């Protein structure tokens, strides 16, 4: 088992990967640096090997797929995940690793948004998108994470081996944040100095398509993790819609004793039934979520036992 594993998912980062690997070798000389190449065509893997990294491959395209393979294959006391585009400084790595190794956190976030991100990042829609995602996640899940989508994170063995990677692409950061909040894991943040990509290096993010994927992920995570709120909100909307149409019919009935809009009354009835179905669906799913959390705690005990066995602690 490695003491510290630096994980670098890469896709066509030949311009910067050598510098990133060398920076981390200098900052954490005891760490093993892993570069996972995701179908690069510019020789990223060759340059990473020359710089001294352990290079492995993931053929399925997408950052989520790379993270899944990294988490499955590598055992370490502390994991640090960093992008290969040289936008994050290595000098925060020691502090992040120390907190994980001391048992003070399960996930340490490199917070870009509290420092230079909005100045350095030259894509305004990315700035707006990061702020919007942060607001949505913190509001919906009642958390206070300072940077939801940062690619600079440190993890404990317990987090890595208990985290179910479901996303295939860049939505993975959002999924990590929500998982940590929902499972009541220790989360800490360190403010880092973000810098923009060097000239000639291109971002792999598509503002529109990847932004829509992240929003879809937030929607799905909220439905899956907070079913009572999600389906309760749907039930409330259906009930209010039914009431809006029913009140005029009821007033007319009081005045005349007649129901002139009988089809509307039928629709109101169906809306109330749908509202009740939605509410009870949320309650049933919430029970399943609670059972899942209990099972997760037992799984975490198994992960801890596995950790002790591998480390001899």
Foldseek 3Di string as FASTA:
>chain_A
DAAEEEEEEDAAQLVFQLVVLLQQCVQPVSYAYEYEYAPHDPCSQVSNVVSPHHYHYDPQDAPLSVLLVVLVPDDYQKYKYDYRQPFFHCNCVVVQSVCSNVVNFQKEAAAAVVACCVPADPPVLVVVLQVVLQVLCCVLLVHNDRGQQDRTMMGGNLLSVLQDRDDGHSLRSNSSVLVCSLLVTGYHYDYTHGHYGPPPDDDPDDSPPVSVVNVVVSVVSSCQRQVQVVLLVVLVVLLVVLCVLVVVQVVVCVVPVDRPCVVSNVSSVVSNVSSVVSNVVSVVSVVVNVVVSVVSVVVSVVSVVVSCVVVVD
